[in-house]
Protein backbone atom coordinates (compact mmCIF):
# COMPACT_ATOMS: atom_id res chain seq x y z
CA UNK A 1 -16.16 12.84 -42.23
CA UNK A 2 -13.79 14.90 -40.10
CA UNK A 3 -14.95 16.15 -36.70
CA UNK A 4 -15.69 19.87 -36.42
CA UNK A 5 -12.52 21.94 -35.81
CA UNK A 6 -13.61 22.82 -32.25
CA UNK A 7 -13.52 19.12 -31.31
CA UNK A 8 -9.81 19.01 -32.15
CA UNK A 9 -8.81 22.03 -30.12
CA UNK A 10 -7.37 21.57 -26.63
CA UNK A 11 -9.96 21.76 -23.90
CA UNK A 12 -10.26 24.94 -21.84
CA UNK A 13 -11.21 22.79 -18.85
CA UNK A 14 -8.13 22.86 -16.52
CA UNK A 15 -8.72 19.23 -15.57
CA UNK A 16 -8.28 18.29 -19.24
CA UNK A 17 -5.54 20.78 -20.15
CA UNK A 18 -3.86 19.79 -23.39
CA UNK A 19 -6.45 17.08 -24.12
CA UNK A 20 -8.23 17.45 -27.47
CA UNK A 21 -11.89 16.62 -27.83
CA UNK A 22 -15.19 17.32 -26.16
CA UNK A 23 -15.44 17.16 -22.35
CA UNK A 24 -16.12 13.72 -20.95
CA UNK A 25 -19.21 13.13 -18.81
CA UNK A 26 -18.55 12.67 -15.07
CA UNK A 27 -18.03 9.07 -13.99
CA UNK A 28 -17.38 7.22 -10.74
CA UNK A 29 -13.68 7.38 -11.64
CA UNK A 30 -13.76 11.16 -11.22
CA UNK A 31 -15.42 10.96 -7.80
CA UNK A 32 -13.47 12.48 -4.91
CA UNK A 33 -10.92 10.25 -3.20
CA UNK A 34 -11.83 9.27 0.35
CA UNK A 35 -9.69 8.09 3.21
CA UNK A 36 -10.58 4.49 4.13
CA UNK A 37 -13.29 4.41 6.80
CA UNK A 38 -13.94 8.12 6.37
CA UNK A 39 -16.81 10.02 4.85
CA UNK A 40 -14.51 13.02 4.35
CA UNK A 41 -13.59 13.56 0.72
CA UNK A 42 -9.91 14.16 0.06
CA UNK A 43 -10.28 15.40 -3.48
CA UNK A 44 -10.65 15.37 -6.26
CA UNK A 45 -6.94 15.08 -5.76
CA UNK A 46 -4.49 16.64 -8.16
CA UNK A 47 -1.71 14.56 -9.66
CA UNK A 48 1.24 16.52 -11.04
CA UNK A 49 2.91 14.15 -13.51
CA UNK A 50 6.47 15.01 -14.55
CA UNK A 51 8.01 12.81 -17.24
CA UNK A 52 10.14 13.81 -20.21
CA UNK A 53 8.96 10.90 -22.37
CA UNK A 54 5.57 11.93 -23.84
CA UNK A 55 4.14 8.41 -24.14
CA UNK A 56 5.02 7.53 -20.56
CA UNK A 57 3.63 10.86 -19.36
CA UNK A 58 0.34 10.13 -21.17
CA UNK A 59 0.19 6.62 -19.69
CA UNK A 60 0.65 7.89 -16.12
CA UNK A 61 -1.86 10.68 -16.77
CA UNK A 62 -4.45 8.15 -17.98
CA UNK A 63 -3.83 5.84 -15.01
CA UNK A 64 -4.25 8.66 -12.50
CA UNK A 65 -7.33 10.06 -14.23
CA UNK A 66 -8.94 6.61 -14.11
CA UNK A 67 -8.16 6.58 -10.37
CA UNK A 68 -10.05 9.85 -9.86
CA UNK A 69 -7.24 12.41 -10.04
CA UNK A 70 -7.30 15.70 -11.87
CA UNK A 71 -3.97 15.63 -13.70
CA UNK A 72 -1.54 18.34 -14.66
CA UNK A 73 1.43 17.34 -16.80
CA UNK A 74 4.93 18.72 -17.24
CA UNK A 75 7.93 17.54 -19.25
CA UNK A 76 10.58 19.14 -17.02
CA UNK A 77 11.24 20.63 -13.60
CA UNK A 78 10.66 24.25 -14.62
CA UNK A 79 7.25 23.53 -16.13
CA UNK A 80 6.35 21.40 -13.10
CA UNK A 81 7.16 24.17 -10.63
CA UNK A 82 5.10 26.66 -12.66
CA UNK A 83 2.19 24.20 -12.71
CA UNK A 84 2.48 23.58 -8.96
CA UNK A 85 2.38 27.32 -8.31
CA UNK A 86 -1.01 27.45 -10.03
CA UNK A 87 -2.51 24.68 -7.84
CA UNK A 88 -4.64 26.14 -5.05
CA UNK A 89 -3.05 26.00 -1.59
CA UNK A 90 -4.59 23.22 0.45
CA UNK A 91 -5.57 21.11 -2.57
CA UNK A 92 -4.79 17.42 -2.11
CA UNK A 93 -1.83 17.04 -4.44
CA UNK A 94 0.78 14.39 -5.23
CA UNK A 95 3.92 14.84 -7.32
CA UNK A 96 4.56 11.83 -9.58
CA UNK A 97 7.96 12.26 -11.19
CA UNK A 98 10.62 10.45 -13.13
CA UNK A 99 14.18 11.07 -11.96
CA UNK A 100 15.88 11.48 -15.35
CA UNK A 101 14.08 14.44 -16.91
CA UNK A 102 16.59 15.04 -19.69
CA UNK A 103 18.45 18.35 -19.78
CA UNK A 104 18.04 20.43 -16.66
CA UNK A 105 17.26 19.55 -13.05
CA UNK A 106 16.32 15.97 -12.24
CA UNK A 107 13.25 14.68 -10.40
CA UNK A 108 15.00 14.57 -7.02
CA UNK A 109 15.92 18.27 -7.28
CA UNK A 110 12.39 19.01 -8.49
CA UNK A 111 10.88 17.24 -5.48
CA UNK A 112 13.13 19.22 -3.13
CA UNK A 113 12.11 22.54 -4.69
CA UNK A 114 8.43 21.54 -4.83
CA UNK A 115 8.50 20.66 -1.14
CA UNK A 116 9.90 24.10 -0.32
CA UNK A 117 6.81 25.51 -2.04
CA UNK A 118 4.47 22.93 -0.45
CA UNK A 119 5.93 21.42 2.73
CA UNK A 120 4.83 17.82 3.15
CA UNK A 121 3.93 17.42 -0.54
CA UNK A 122 3.70 13.67 -1.22
CA UNK A 123 6.16 12.48 -3.88
CA UNK A 124 6.05 9.30 -5.93
CA UNK A 125 9.23 8.64 -7.89
CA UNK A 126 8.59 6.34 -10.86
CA UNK A 127 12.01 5.78 -12.36
CA UNK A 128 14.39 3.49 -14.14
CA UNK A 129 17.11 4.86 -11.86
CA UNK A 130 16.04 4.05 -8.30
CA UNK A 131 19.67 4.10 -7.17
CA UNK A 132 19.86 7.82 -8.05
CA UNK A 133 16.97 8.58 -5.70
CA UNK A 134 18.51 6.60 -2.86
CA UNK A 135 21.97 8.09 -3.46
CA UNK A 136 20.53 11.62 -3.37
CA UNK A 137 18.01 11.09 -0.57
CA UNK A 138 19.67 8.43 1.57
CA UNK A 139 16.25 7.28 2.72
CA UNK A 140 12.65 8.13 1.99
CA UNK A 141 10.39 9.85 4.46
CA UNK A 142 6.77 8.96 5.23
CA UNK A 143 5.44 11.02 2.31
CA UNK A 144 7.69 9.58 -0.40
CA UNK A 145 7.55 6.35 -2.39
CA UNK A 146 9.69 4.85 -5.10
CA UNK A 147 8.51 2.57 -7.91
CA UNK A 148 11.06 1.16 -10.33
CA UNK A 149 10.25 1.14 -14.05
CA UNK A 150 8.64 -0.69 -15.57
CA UNK A 151 6.02 -0.04 -12.89
CA UNK A 152 2.62 -1.68 -12.81
CA UNK A 153 0.02 1.00 -13.67
CA UNK A 154 -2.25 -0.22 -10.86
CA UNK A 155 0.63 0.20 -8.41
CA UNK A 156 1.17 3.77 -9.59
CA UNK A 157 -2.50 4.64 -9.05
CA UNK A 158 -2.75 2.83 -5.71
CA UNK A 159 0.44 4.36 -4.34
CA UNK A 160 -0.54 7.88 -5.44
CA UNK A 161 -3.96 7.45 -3.81
CA UNK A 162 -2.39 6.11 -0.62
CA UNK A 163 0.01 9.05 -0.46
CA UNK A 164 -2.82 11.57 -0.89
CA UNK A 165 -5.08 10.06 1.76
CA UNK A 166 -2.18 9.39 4.11
CA UNK A 167 -2.52 5.62 4.26
CA UNK A 168 0.68 4.66 2.49
CA UNK A 169 2.73 1.99 4.24
CA UNK A 170 6.30 2.58 5.37
CA UNK A 171 8.63 3.69 2.55
CA UNK A 172 9.82 0.85 0.37
CA UNK A 173 11.26 0.25 -3.05
CA UNK A 174 8.58 -1.45 -5.16
């Protein structure tokens, strides 16, 4: 028996934008992120995932959601900037982007533009082209990290969390 049509429609809940099916009950995974040793909640943090490959974008979305993030997805730089503009100012947010986004601006250009909109925005590059990031950036600052594909999903979640709560170690290539 097929589910009722309403169960197949995308959710109107912004935290589940583009996800078909009924809303999920709250779990510990959706609890606000907290800085280590602090009772102050950081989130729920927002992860802006930018990846042109749909399956990889879904994987990163799932990993971040399991880590407690509310996730917004985009397939390219233009869509990502529009999504970022809709995120409330002051919300704990991290940009998780590939570098090669197909036609149009790449992830390094996207990060630069996004940081003009949100100075200090943490950026996690997850890419098969780490040399492109280093060639364009020279070095990473304290709010940027670089993970080479194929990246361990746990490392993606942990690094994004660390960037949001400000506990990330010195920039390194992982």
